[in-house]
C-alpha atoms as a PDB file:
ATOM      1  CA  MET A   1      30.565 -21.806   4.057  1.00  0.00           C
ATOM      2  CA  ALA A   2      27.208 -23.169   2.932  1.00  0.00           C
ATOM      3  CA  THR A   3      27.047 -25.564   0.024  1.00  0.00           C
ATOM      4  CA  LEU A   4      25.094 -24.684  -3.102  1.00  0.00           C
ATOM      5  CA  LEU A   5      22.382 -27.129  -2.016  1.00  0.00           C
ATOM      6  CA  GLU A   6      22.151 -25.487   1.420  1.00  0.00           C
ATOM      7  CA  LYS A   7      21.861 -22.067  -0.185  1.00  0.00           C
ATOM      8  CA  ILE A   8      19.058 -23.296  -2.458  1.00  0.00           C
ATOM      9  CA  VAL A   9      17.233 -24.884   0.482  1.00  0.00           C
ATOM     10  CA  ASP A  10      17.633 -21.746   2.614  1.00  0.00           C
ATOM     11  CA  GLU A  11      16.276 -19.561  -0.177  1.00  0.00           C
ATOM     12  CA  ARG A  12      13.242 -21.758  -0.860  1.00  0.00           C
ATOM     13  CA  VAL A  13      12.451 -22.250   2.828  1.00  0.00           C
ATOM     14  CA  GLY A  14      12.699 -18.497   3.367  1.00  0.00           C
ATOM     15  CA  GLN A  15      10.412 -17.729   0.430  1.00  0.00           C
ATOM     16  CA  THR A  16       7.863 -20.312   1.561  1.00  0.00           C
ATOM     17  CA  LEU A  17       7.935 -19.108   5.160  1.00  0.00           C
ATOM     18  CA  VAL A  18       7.537 -15.469   4.158  1.00  0.00           C
ATOM     19  CA  GLY A  19       4.683 -16.341   1.796  1.00  0.00           C
ATOM     20  CA  THR A  20       2.852 -18.375   4.423  1.00  0.00           C
ATOM     21  CA  VAL A  21       3.290 -15.747   7.135  1.00  0.00           C
ATOM     22  CA  SER A  22       2.143 -13.035   4.695  1.00  0.00           C
ATOM     23  CA  VAL A  23      -1.092 -14.943   4.045  1.00  0.00           C
ATOM     24  CA  ALA A  24      -1.687 -15.293   7.793  1.00  0.00           C
ATOM     25  CA  VAL A  25      -1.036 -11.580   8.361  1.00  0.00           C
ATOM     26  CA  ASP A  26      -3.465 -10.695   5.547  1.00  0.00           C
ATOM     27  CA  ARG A  27      -6.178 -12.845   7.131  1.00  0.00           C
ATOM     28  CA  ILE A  28      -5.667 -11.307  10.560  1.00  0.00           C
ATOM     29  CA  ALA A  29      -5.698  -7.785   9.089  1.00  0.00           C
ATOM     30  CA  GLU A  30      -8.957  -8.540   7.255  1.00  0.00           C
ATOM     31  CA  GLU A  31     -10.495  -9.842  10.474  1.00  0.00           C
ATOM     32  CA  ILE A  32      -9.458  -6.718  12.381  1.00  0.00           C
ATOM     33  CA  ALA A  33     -10.764  -4.503   9.572  1.00  0.00           C
ATOM     34  CA  ARG A  34     -14.150  -6.263   9.643  1.00  0.00           C
ATOM     35  CA  GLU A  35     -14.335  -5.776  13.418  1.00  0.00           C
ATOM     36  CA  ALA A  36     -13.374  -2.102  13.099  1.00  0.00           C
ATOM     37  CA  LEU A  37     -15.950  -1.528  10.369  1.00  0.00           C
ATOM     38  CA  GLY A  38     -18.577  -2.940  12.708  1.00  0.00           C
ATOM     39  CA  ASP A  39     -18.080   0.126  14.904  1.00  0.00           C
ATOM     40  CA  GLU A  40     -20.378   2.852  13.549  1.00  0.00           C
ATOM     41  CA  THR A  41     -18.236   5.687  14.960  1.00  0.00           C
ATOM     42  CA  PHE A  42     -15.161   4.305  13.217  1.00  0.00           C
ATOM     43  CA  ARG A  43     -17.101   3.842   9.971  1.00  0.00           C
ATOM     44  CA  ARG A  44     -18.282   7.469  10.020  1.00  0.00           C
ATOM     45  CA  ALA A  45     -14.766   8.751  10.753  1.00  0.00           C
ATOM     46  CA  LEU A  46     -13.262   6.564   8.015  1.00  0.00           C
ATOM     47  CA  ARG A  47     -15.917   7.636   5.507  1.00  0.00           C
ATOM     48  CA  GLU A  48     -15.223  11.313   6.267  1.00  0.00           C
ATOM     49  CA  LEU A  49     -11.464  10.831   5.961  1.00  0.00           C
ATOM     50  CA  VAL A  50     -11.863   9.082   2.599  1.00  0.00           C
ATOM     51  CA  ARG A  51     -14.252  11.817   1.406  1.00  0.00           C
ATOM     52  CA  VAL A  52     -11.834  14.619   2.370  1.00  0.00           C
ATOM     53  CA  ARG A  53      -8.794  12.906   0.853  1.00  0.00           C
ATOM     54  CA  SER A  54     -10.701  12.036  -2.328  1.00  0.00           C
ATOM     55  CA  GLN A  55     -11.786  15.662  -2.738  1.00  0.00           C
ATOM     56  CA  LYS A  56      -8.198  16.847  -2.245  1.00  0.00           C
ATOM     57  CA  LEU A  57      -6.923  14.414  -4.887  1.00  0.00           C
ATOM     58  CA  LEU A  58      -9.668  15.445  -7.292  1.00  0.00           C
ATOM     59  CA  ASP A  59      -8.786  19.115  -6.774  1.00  0.00           C
ATOM     60  CA  GLN A  60      -5.132  18.343  -7.519  1.00  0.00           C
ATOM     61  CA  LEU A  61      -6.075  16.467 -10.687  1.00  0.00           C
ATOM     62  CA  LEU A  62      -8.211  19.358 -11.861  1.00  0.00           C
ATOM     63  CA  GLU A  63      -5.409  21.847 -11.137  1.00  0.00           C
ATOM     64  CA  ASN A  64      -2.962  19.797 -13.199  1.00  0.00           C
ATOM     65  CA  GLY A  65      -5.475  19.623 -16.036  1.00  0.00           C
ATOM     66  CA  ARG A  66      -5.582  23.429 -16.221  1.00  0.00           C
ATOM     67  CA  GLY A  67      -1.853  23.615 -16.794  1.00  0.00           C
ATOM     68  CA  ASN A  68      -1.033  24.641 -13.237  1.00  0.00           C
ATOM     69  CA  ARG A  69       1.710  22.077 -13.055  1.00  0.00           C
ATOM     70  CA  ARG A  70       4.140  21.820 -10.228  1.00  0.00           C
ATOM     71  CA  PRO A  71       7.780  21.682 -11.272  1.00  0.00           C
ATOM     72  CA  SER A  72       9.048  18.165 -11.677  1.00  0.00           C
ATOM     73  CA  LYS A  73      11.529  16.957  -9.096  1.00  0.00           C
ATOM     74  CA  ARG A  74      13.112  14.623 -11.622  1.00  0.00           C
ATOM     75  CA  PRO A  75      15.848  15.985 -13.864  1.00  0.00           C
ATOM     76  CA  VAL A  76      14.832  16.538 -17.472  1.00  0.00           C
ATOM     77  CA  LYS A  77      16.575  14.184 -19.886  1.00  0.00           C
ATOM     78  CA  ARG A  78      17.963  15.976 -22.917  1.00  0.00           C
ATOM     79  CA  GLN A  79      19.137  14.228 -26.037  1.00  0.00           C
END
């Protein structure tokens, strides 16, 4: 059974390690993204995907604004 001090140390070490590794992963992901964006074919494909998805989201927003709401999946709270 770990002492209270050991538990505190384990928790802080874990948080610090996760934070540091997360920063490293973010940096690597940014580097890979920059390399990928350097490829013109990838950039065109990504731009088209973003355009199509943005249009779909806009269409959904406009539908909801006209009152064509989809039924909510969450139960209605009654008081």
